[in-house]
Amino acid sequence: MNGAPTHDPREAVLAQLNASIDNFFGSGGSVQVLRGFEPVPRRPHHASDLAAGDHSITERLRAEREQLQRVKEAAKTMTLGEAVRELGIGRTELHRMSKAHGFLFRSNNKERQQRETARQAKAAEKARIVDLVRANSGKGLSRHFVAGRLGISDGYLKKIIEENGLDFPLYGDRP
């Protein structure tokens, strides 16, 4: 029927909701007011005390010199990571200071050994891949196929070919 009014489903939901509210208050229920949102202020920037302007330029320079002296003394006996924990200054800032003022932090032999081991493993893996590329270069296989077989990208395969002067023709250049 075209002219008959349609039933609005929202009316049934609202009627059921109002009945539930009346039932809740009728059985002795009460409203509980919860705490609302409270904004948390941003953390102050680490250099905000210097930027505040209440220190004179000479006081700021003196504070920077004292901090530099503390960092230089720490560099004599500590690694960079230990100095970060001890002084509470960020790693980037300590590294910048050491480069700008020409001093070095003590090196951690354990970290150096780990880096050297990782470097050697990477070099060995690259040498293995170079040998495999060299072995597959004369078989008439495409570069893309060989890269997929070795589990490397086409770009890395191209880089290996160029760095090692391998004769691995492109697909169109093969006889």
Protein backbone atom coordinates (compact mmCIF):
# COMPACT_ATOMS: atom_id res chain seq x y z
CA MET A 1 0.00 0.00 0.00
CA ASN A 2 1.46 3.21 -1.15
CA GLY A 3 -0.25 5.74 1.11
CA ALA A 4 -0.05 3.83 4.42
CA PRO A 5 2.40 5.20 7.02
CA THR A 6 5.42 2.98 7.66
CA HIS A 7 6.48 1.82 11.08
CA ASP A 8 9.59 3.63 12.39
CA PRO A 9 11.93 1.07 14.05
CA ARG A 10 13.49 3.81 16.20
CA GLU A 11 10.21 4.36 18.03
CA ALA A 12 10.16 0.76 19.24
CA VAL A 13 13.79 1.03 20.44
CA LEU A 14 13.13 4.32 22.24
CA ALA A 15 10.00 2.92 23.90
CA GLN A 16 11.95 -0.12 25.12
CA LEU A 17 14.80 2.11 26.39
CA ASN A 18 12.40 4.42 28.26
CA ALA A 19 10.72 1.40 29.83
CA SER A 20 14.11 0.08 30.98
CA ILE A 21 15.00 3.47 32.51
CA ASP A 22 11.67 3.68 34.34
CA ASN A 23 12.12 0.10 35.62
CA PHE A 24 15.67 0.92 36.84
CA PHE A 25 14.62 3.99 38.83
CA GLY A 26 11.42 2.28 40.01
CA SER A 27 13.41 -0.55 41.62
CA GLY A 28 15.57 1.89 43.63
CA GLY A 29 18.43 2.47 41.22
CA SER A 30 20.40 5.69 41.42
CA VAL A 31 22.59 7.67 39.07
CA GLN A 32 26.33 7.46 39.62
CA VAL A 33 28.41 10.38 38.34
CA LEU A 34 31.79 9.31 37.02
CA ARG A 35 34.91 11.43 36.85
CA GLY A 36 35.29 13.16 33.50
CA PHE A 37 38.31 13.62 31.30
CA GLU A 38 41.18 15.53 32.85
CA PRO A 39 43.83 16.78 30.41
CA VAL A 40 47.44 16.00 31.22
CA PRO A 41 49.89 18.81 30.52
CA ARG A 42 52.73 18.17 28.10
CA ARG A 43 56.13 17.29 29.44
CA PRO A 44 58.46 20.27 29.44
CA HIS A 45 61.20 20.28 26.82
CA HIS A 46 64.61 19.27 28.17
CA ALA A 47 66.05 22.69 27.30
CA SER A 48 63.08 24.67 28.58
CA ASP A 49 65.01 25.98 31.58
CA LEU A 50 67.64 27.47 29.28
CA ALA A 51 65.01 28.92 26.95
CA ALA A 52 63.02 30.47 29.77
CA GLY A 53 65.13 33.63 29.59
CA ASP A 54 65.54 34.03 33.35
CA HIS A 55 69.21 33.03 33.13
CA SER A 56 71.76 35.44 31.81
CA ILE A 57 73.97 34.47 28.90
CA THR A 58 77.03 34.16 31.12
CA GLU A 59 75.20 31.80 33.48
CA ARG A 60 74.10 29.62 30.57
CA LEU A 61 77.63 29.50 29.14
CA ARG A 62 79.04 28.64 32.55
CA ALA A 63 76.48 25.83 32.92
CA GLU A 64 77.36 24.49 29.46
CA ARG A 65 81.10 24.56 30.29
CA GLU A 66 80.48 22.71 33.55
CA GLN A 67 78.38 20.13 31.73
CA LEU A 68 81.11 19.72 29.10
CA GLN A 69 83.69 19.16 31.84
CA ARG A 70 81.48 16.51 33.47
CA VAL A 71 81.04 14.78 30.11
CA LYS A 72 84.80 14.86 29.38
CA GLU A 73 85.57 13.36 32.80
CA ALA A 74 82.94 10.68 32.25
CA ALA A 75 84.34 9.88 28.80
CA LYS A 76 87.67 8.93 30.36
CA THR A 77 86.17 6.08 32.39
CA MET A 78 82.77 5.26 30.81
CA THR A 79 81.34 3.99 27.59
CA LEU A 80 78.72 6.08 25.78
CA GLY A 81 75.87 3.94 27.11
CA GLU A 82 77.12 4.17 30.69
CA ALA A 83 77.45 7.95 30.37
CA VAL A 84 73.87 8.22 29.11
CA ARG A 85 72.62 6.38 32.20
CA GLU A 86 74.92 8.19 34.63
CA LEU A 87 74.63 11.78 33.40
CA GLY A 88 71.04 11.73 32.19
CA ILE A 89 72.00 13.36 28.89
CA GLY A 90 70.76 11.89 25.62
CA ARG A 91 72.95 9.67 23.45
CA THR A 92 72.74 12.04 20.48
CA GLU A 93 73.77 15.04 22.57
CA LEU A 94 76.75 13.18 24.07
CA HIS A 95 77.84 12.01 20.64
CA ARG A 96 77.55 15.57 19.28
CA MET A 97 79.61 16.93 22.17
CA SER A 98 82.33 14.34 21.67
CA LYS A 99 82.62 15.15 17.97
CA ALA A 100 82.53 18.91 18.50
CA HIS A 101 85.17 18.93 21.26
CA GLY A 102 87.40 16.11 20.04
CA PHE A 103 87.15 13.48 22.74
CA LEU A 104 86.07 9.85 22.66
CA PHE A 105 84.23 7.63 25.09
CA ARG A 106 85.78 4.35 26.11
CA SER A 107 84.89 1.51 23.83
CA ASN A 108 83.11 -1.57 25.00
CA ASN A 109 85.10 -4.60 23.86
CA LYS A 110 82.04 -6.83 23.95
CA GLU A 111 80.11 -4.54 21.61
CA ARG A 112 83.14 -4.20 19.32
CA GLN A 113 83.48 -7.99 19.15
CA GLN A 114 79.78 -8.36 18.35
CA ARG A 115 80.03 -5.78 15.56
CA GLU A 116 83.13 -7.46 14.14
CA THR A 117 81.46 -10.89 14.25
CA ALA A 118 78.40 -9.49 12.48
CA ARG A 119 80.64 -7.81 9.87
CA GLN A 120 82.48 -11.07 9.21
CA ALA A 121 79.22 -13.03 8.93
CA LYS A 122 77.85 -10.49 6.46
CA ALA A 123 81.05 -10.63 4.38
CA ALA A 124 80.96 -14.44 4.35
CA GLU A 125 77.31 -14.42 3.26
CA LYS A 126 78.08 -11.95 0.49
CA ALA A 127 81.03 -14.10 -0.70
CA ARG A 128 78.73 -17.14 -0.75
CA ILE A 129 76.15 -15.26 -2.82
CA VAL A 130 78.87 -14.03 -5.23
CA ASP A 131 80.01 -17.63 -5.76
CA LEU A 132 76.43 -18.77 -6.40
CA VAL A 133 75.82 -15.91 -8.87
CA ARG A 134 79.08 -16.74 -10.64
CA ALA A 135 78.00 -20.41 -10.86
CA ASN A 136 74.58 -19.50 -12.32
CA SER A 137 75.75 -16.79 -14.72
CA GLY A 138 76.69 -19.05 -17.62
CA LYS A 139 73.65 -21.33 -17.54
CA GLY A 140 71.33 -19.17 -19.64
CA LEU A 141 69.05 -18.36 -16.71
CA SER A 142 67.49 -14.93 -16.36
CA ARG A 143 68.73 -12.55 -13.68
CA HIS A 144 65.27 -12.41 -12.16
CA PHE A 145 65.08 -16.21 -11.91
CA VAL A 146 68.54 -16.44 -10.30
CA ALA A 147 67.69 -13.65 -7.83
CA GLY A 148 64.51 -15.48 -6.84
CA ARG A 149 66.37 -18.76 -6.50
CA LEU A 150 68.99 -17.16 -4.23
CA GLY A 151 66.41 -15.26 -2.20
CA ILE A 152 67.77 -11.80 -3.00
CA SER A 153 66.32 -8.81 -4.80
CA ASP A 154 67.00 -7.99 -8.44
CA GLY A 155 68.69 -4.76 -7.37
CA TYR A 156 71.05 -6.57 -4.98
CA LEU A 157 71.90 -9.07 -7.74
CA LYS A 158 72.70 -6.19 -10.09
CA LYS A 159 74.88 -4.59 -7.41
CA ILE A 160 76.81 -7.86 -6.89
CA ILE A 161 77.32 -8.25 -10.64
CA GLU A 162 78.63 -4.68 -10.98
CA GLU A 163 80.85 -4.78 -7.87
CA ASN A 164 82.49 -8.08 -8.81
CA GLY A 165 82.66 -7.57 -12.58
CA LEU A 166 80.70 -10.73 -13.32
CA ASP A 167 79.62 -11.57 -16.87
CA PHE A 168 75.89 -12.08 -16.44
CA PRO A 169 74.14 -10.84 -19.58
CA LEU A 170 70.69 -9.35 -19.55
CA TYR A 171 67.90 -11.48 -21.00
CA GLY A 172 67.91 -9.64 -24.34
CA ASP A 173 71.72 -9.83 -24.66
CA ARG A 174 71.96 -13.64 -24.51
CA PRO A 175 72.72 -15.59 -27.70
